N, C-alpha and C. Protein backbone atom coordinates (compact mmCIF):
# COMPACT_ATOMS: atom_id res chain seq x y z
N MET A 1 62.71 197.41 151.26
CA MET A 1 63.25 198.37 150.33
C MET A 1 64.76 198.29 150.27
N THR A 2 65.29 197.07 150.55
CA THR A 2 66.72 196.82 150.41
C THR A 2 66.92 195.56 149.58
N LEU A 3 68.11 195.43 149.01
CA LEU A 3 68.46 194.26 148.22
C LEU A 3 69.89 193.88 148.54
N SER A 4 70.08 192.63 148.95
CA SER A 4 71.41 192.15 149.31
C SER A 4 72.07 191.42 148.15
N GLY A 5 73.39 191.39 148.18
CA GLY A 5 74.15 190.60 147.22
C GLY A 5 74.28 191.22 145.84
N VAL A 6 74.13 192.53 145.73
CA VAL A 6 74.25 193.19 144.43
C VAL A 6 75.73 193.42 144.15
N GLU A 7 76.23 192.76 143.10
CA GLU A 7 77.64 192.87 142.75
C GLU A 7 77.98 194.30 142.38
N GLY A 8 79.07 194.82 142.95
CA GLY A 8 79.52 196.17 142.65
C GLY A 8 78.86 197.26 143.46
N ALA A 9 77.92 196.90 144.31
CA ALA A 9 77.23 197.92 145.12
C ALA A 9 78.17 198.46 146.20
N ALA A 10 77.97 199.71 146.55
CA ALA A 10 78.81 200.35 147.56
C ALA A 10 78.48 199.85 148.96
N THR A 11 77.26 199.39 149.17
CA THR A 11 76.85 198.89 150.48
C THR A 11 76.12 197.57 150.29
N ASP A 12 76.05 196.81 151.37
CA ASP A 12 75.26 195.57 151.34
C ASP A 12 74.52 195.48 152.65
N PRO A 13 73.22 195.55 152.66
CA PRO A 13 72.34 195.63 151.49
C PRO A 13 72.29 197.02 150.89
N VAL A 14 71.82 197.11 149.66
CA VAL A 14 71.61 198.38 148.97
C VAL A 14 70.25 198.92 149.38
N LYS A 15 70.22 200.17 149.78
CA LYS A 15 68.94 200.82 150.09
C LYS A 15 68.38 201.37 148.80
N LEU A 16 67.29 200.79 148.34
CA LEU A 16 66.74 201.10 147.03
C LEU A 16 65.97 202.41 146.99
N GLY A 17 65.32 202.75 148.06
CA GLY A 17 64.52 203.97 148.07
C GLY A 17 63.15 203.76 147.47
N PHE A 18 62.89 202.57 147.01
CA PHE A 18 61.58 202.23 146.45
C PHE A 18 61.40 200.73 146.59
N ILE A 19 60.20 200.28 146.48
CA ILE A 19 59.92 198.85 146.57
C ILE A 19 60.28 198.21 145.23
N THR A 20 61.04 197.12 145.30
CA THR A 20 61.42 196.44 144.06
C THR A 20 60.20 195.82 143.41
N ALA A 21 60.24 195.75 142.11
CA ALA A 21 59.15 195.14 141.35
C ALA A 21 59.13 193.64 141.61
N ASP A 22 57.97 193.11 141.77
CA ASP A 22 57.79 191.67 141.96
C ASP A 22 57.08 191.16 140.72
N ILE A 23 57.87 190.70 139.75
CA ILE A 23 57.32 190.27 138.48
C ILE A 23 56.98 188.79 138.58
N ARG A 24 55.77 188.45 138.23
CA ARG A 24 55.31 187.06 138.30
C ARG A 24 54.61 186.67 137.01
N ILE A 25 54.73 185.40 136.69
CA ILE A 25 54.00 184.86 135.55
C ILE A 25 52.61 184.46 136.04
N VAL A 26 51.60 184.83 135.30
CA VAL A 26 50.24 184.42 135.62
C VAL A 26 49.68 183.65 134.44
N ALA A 27 48.83 182.67 134.74
CA ALA A 27 48.23 181.85 133.68
C ALA A 27 46.88 181.34 134.13
N ASN A 28 46.06 181.05 133.18
CA ASN A 28 44.75 180.47 133.42
C ASN A 28 44.90 179.07 134.02
N LYS A 29 44.14 178.77 135.07
CA LYS A 29 44.24 177.48 135.75
C LYS A 29 43.94 176.31 134.81
N ASN A 30 42.95 176.46 133.95
CA ASN A 30 42.62 175.39 133.00
C ASN A 30 43.77 175.15 132.02
N PHE A 31 44.40 176.22 131.57
CA PHE A 31 45.56 176.09 130.69
C PHE A 31 46.67 175.31 131.39
N LEU A 32 46.94 175.64 132.65
CA LEU A 32 48.01 174.96 133.38
C LEU A 32 47.71 173.47 133.57
N LYS A 33 46.43 173.14 133.82
CA LYS A 33 46.06 171.73 133.97
C LYS A 33 46.32 170.96 132.68
N LYS A 34 46.06 171.60 131.56
CA LYS A 34 46.22 170.94 130.26
C LYS A 34 47.66 170.98 129.75
N ASN A 35 48.49 171.81 130.34
CA ASN A 35 49.84 172.03 129.85
C ASN A 35 50.87 171.95 130.98
N PRO A 36 51.14 170.74 131.49
CA PRO A 36 52.06 170.61 132.61
C PRO A 36 53.48 171.09 132.29
N ALA A 37 53.90 171.00 131.04
CA ALA A 37 55.23 171.50 130.69
C ALA A 37 55.30 173.01 130.86
N ALA A 38 54.26 173.70 130.42
CA ALA A 38 54.22 175.16 130.60
C ALA A 38 54.17 175.51 132.08
N LYS A 39 53.36 174.79 132.84
CA LYS A 39 53.25 175.04 134.28
C LYS A 39 54.61 174.91 134.94
N LYS A 40 55.34 173.84 134.61
CA LYS A 40 56.67 173.63 135.20
C LYS A 40 57.62 174.74 134.78
N SER A 41 57.56 175.13 133.51
CA SER A 41 58.42 176.21 133.02
C SER A 41 58.18 177.49 133.82
N PHE A 42 56.91 177.80 134.04
CA PHE A 42 56.57 179.01 134.78
C PHE A 42 57.08 178.94 136.22
N GLU A 43 57.09 177.75 136.81
CA GLU A 43 57.54 177.58 138.19
C GLU A 43 59.05 177.74 138.34
N ILE A 44 59.82 177.33 137.34
CA ILE A 44 61.29 177.30 137.50
C ILE A 44 62.01 178.45 136.80
N PHE A 45 61.35 179.14 135.92
CA PHE A 45 61.97 180.22 135.16
C PHE A 45 62.30 181.40 136.07
N THR A 46 63.54 181.86 136.02
CA THR A 46 63.95 183.04 136.78
C THR A 46 64.94 183.85 135.95
N LEU A 47 64.96 185.12 136.16
CA LEU A 47 65.96 186.00 135.58
C LEU A 47 66.54 186.85 136.69
N SER A 48 67.84 187.07 136.63
CA SER A 48 68.48 187.91 137.64
C SER A 48 68.16 189.38 137.38
N VAL A 49 68.31 190.18 138.41
CA VAL A 49 68.13 191.63 138.27
C VAL A 49 69.13 192.16 137.24
N ASP A 50 70.33 191.62 137.23
CA ASP A 50 71.34 192.06 136.26
C ASP A 50 70.89 191.78 134.82
N ASP A 51 70.33 190.59 134.59
CA ASP A 51 69.87 190.24 133.24
C ASP A 51 68.72 191.15 132.80
N ILE A 52 67.80 191.40 133.71
CA ILE A 52 66.67 192.28 133.40
C ILE A 52 67.17 193.70 133.12
N SER A 53 68.08 194.18 133.94
CA SER A 53 68.61 195.53 133.75
C SER A 53 69.37 195.65 132.43
N ALA A 54 70.13 194.63 132.08
CA ALA A 54 70.89 194.65 130.82
C ALA A 54 69.94 194.73 129.62
N GLN A 55 68.87 193.96 129.66
CA GLN A 55 67.91 193.99 128.56
C GLN A 55 67.16 195.32 128.53
N ASN A 56 66.79 195.84 129.69
CA ASN A 56 66.12 197.14 129.75
C ASN A 56 67.03 198.24 129.19
N ALA A 57 68.33 198.15 129.47
CA ALA A 57 69.27 199.15 128.95
C ALA A 57 69.32 199.10 127.43
N LYS A 58 69.32 197.90 126.86
CA LYS A 58 69.31 197.77 125.40
C LYS A 58 68.06 198.43 124.82
N MET A 59 66.91 198.22 125.46
CA MET A 59 65.68 198.83 124.98
C MET A 59 65.74 200.35 125.10
N ASN A 60 66.29 200.84 126.21
CA ASN A 60 66.41 202.29 126.40
C ASN A 60 67.36 202.92 125.39
N GLU A 61 68.29 202.12 124.85
CA GLU A 61 69.25 202.60 123.85
C GLU A 61 68.68 202.47 122.43
N GLY A 62 67.40 202.09 122.32
CA GLY A 62 66.75 202.05 121.02
C GLY A 62 66.47 200.67 120.48
N GLU A 63 66.98 199.63 121.11
CA GLU A 63 66.76 198.27 120.64
C GLU A 63 65.45 197.74 121.23
N LYS A 64 64.33 198.23 120.69
CA LYS A 64 63.04 197.88 121.28
C LYS A 64 62.03 197.32 120.30
N SER A 65 62.46 197.04 119.09
CA SER A 65 61.55 196.43 118.13
C SER A 65 61.40 194.94 118.46
N GLU A 66 60.41 194.32 117.88
CA GLU A 66 60.20 192.89 118.11
C GLU A 66 61.44 192.09 117.71
N SER A 67 62.06 192.44 116.60
CA SER A 67 63.25 191.71 116.16
C SER A 67 64.42 191.92 117.12
N HIS A 68 64.55 193.12 117.67
CA HIS A 68 65.59 193.38 118.67
C HIS A 68 65.37 192.51 119.91
N ILE A 69 64.13 192.52 120.38
CA ILE A 69 63.82 191.78 121.61
C ILE A 69 64.00 190.29 121.40
N ASN A 70 63.62 189.78 120.22
CA ASN A 70 63.88 188.37 119.91
C ASN A 70 65.37 188.07 119.92
N ARG A 71 66.18 188.99 119.37
CA ARG A 71 67.63 188.80 119.39
C ARG A 71 68.17 188.83 120.82
N HIS A 72 67.66 189.72 121.65
CA HIS A 72 68.09 189.76 123.05
C HIS A 72 67.83 188.42 123.72
N ALA A 73 66.64 187.86 123.48
CA ALA A 73 66.30 186.56 124.07
C ALA A 73 67.23 185.47 123.55
N GLU A 74 67.46 185.46 122.24
CA GLU A 74 68.36 184.46 121.66
C GLU A 74 69.77 184.57 122.22
N GLU A 75 70.24 185.80 122.41
CA GLU A 75 71.57 186.01 122.99
C GLU A 75 71.62 185.53 124.43
N TRP A 76 70.55 185.82 125.19
CA TRP A 76 70.52 185.36 126.58
C TRP A 76 70.57 183.83 126.61
N ILE A 77 69.78 183.19 125.79
CA ILE A 77 69.77 181.72 125.75
C ILE A 77 71.16 181.20 125.40
N ALA A 78 71.79 181.78 124.38
CA ALA A 78 73.13 181.34 123.97
C ALA A 78 74.14 181.49 125.11
N ASN A 79 74.00 182.57 125.87
CA ASN A 79 74.93 182.82 126.98
C ASN A 79 74.59 182.04 128.25
N ASN A 80 73.42 181.42 128.27
CA ASN A 80 72.95 180.67 129.44
C ASN A 80 72.41 179.31 129.00
N GLN A 81 73.06 178.72 128.01
CA GLN A 81 72.56 177.51 127.38
C GLN A 81 72.36 176.36 128.36
N GLU A 82 73.28 176.18 129.29
CA GLU A 82 73.16 175.09 130.26
C GLU A 82 71.91 175.25 131.13
N THR A 83 71.70 176.44 131.63
CA THR A 83 70.50 176.72 132.42
C THR A 83 69.25 176.52 131.58
N TRP A 84 69.24 177.04 130.37
CA TRP A 84 68.10 176.92 129.46
C TRP A 84 67.77 175.45 129.22
N ASN A 85 68.81 174.65 128.94
CA ASN A 85 68.60 173.23 128.67
C ASN A 85 68.03 172.50 129.88
N LYS A 86 68.49 172.86 131.07
CA LYS A 86 67.95 172.25 132.30
C LYS A 86 66.47 172.58 132.46
N TRP A 87 66.11 173.82 132.19
CA TRP A 87 64.70 174.21 132.28
C TRP A 87 63.87 173.41 131.30
N LEU A 88 64.36 173.28 130.07
CA LEU A 88 63.62 172.52 129.06
C LEU A 88 63.48 171.06 129.46
N ASP A 89 64.55 170.48 129.98
CA ASP A 89 64.50 169.08 130.43
C ASP A 89 63.45 168.88 131.51
N LYS A 90 63.40 169.79 132.48
CA LYS A 90 62.43 169.70 133.57
C LYS A 90 61.01 169.89 133.06
N ALA A 91 60.83 170.81 132.13
CA ALA A 91 59.49 171.04 131.57
C ALA A 91 59.03 169.81 130.77
N ARG A 92 59.92 169.26 129.99
CA ARG A 92 59.57 168.07 129.21
C ARG A 92 59.23 166.89 130.12
N ALA A 93 59.99 166.75 131.20
CA ALA A 93 59.72 165.67 132.16
C ALA A 93 58.35 165.83 132.80
N ALA A 94 57.96 167.05 133.06
CA ALA A 94 56.64 167.31 133.67
C ALA A 94 55.50 166.94 132.72
N ALA A 95 55.77 166.94 131.44
CA ALA A 95 54.74 166.65 130.45
C ALA A 95 54.50 165.15 130.27
N LYS A 96 55.37 164.34 130.82
CA LYS A 96 55.24 162.89 130.64
C LYS A 96 54.26 162.29 131.61
């Protein structure tokens, strides 16, 4: 129930008072066998707590339509283009 390395936190580790969410991608095993690029993407894809919190804040402020969420994703990709491109390269390599 603690989290270390949180930028701007008053203490390290931060005592959360609750168990942090453990978000995982799940997929059908047959799908993964047929789609190695997707499997690799699922293995390497990560988002920071800060990125998740920033997007959640946008939704809480009313930006929760499908078009808003698509824009949030596009903005994240634009701001993290190098990381995004590396993920795509690794996924494409897995498909060969």
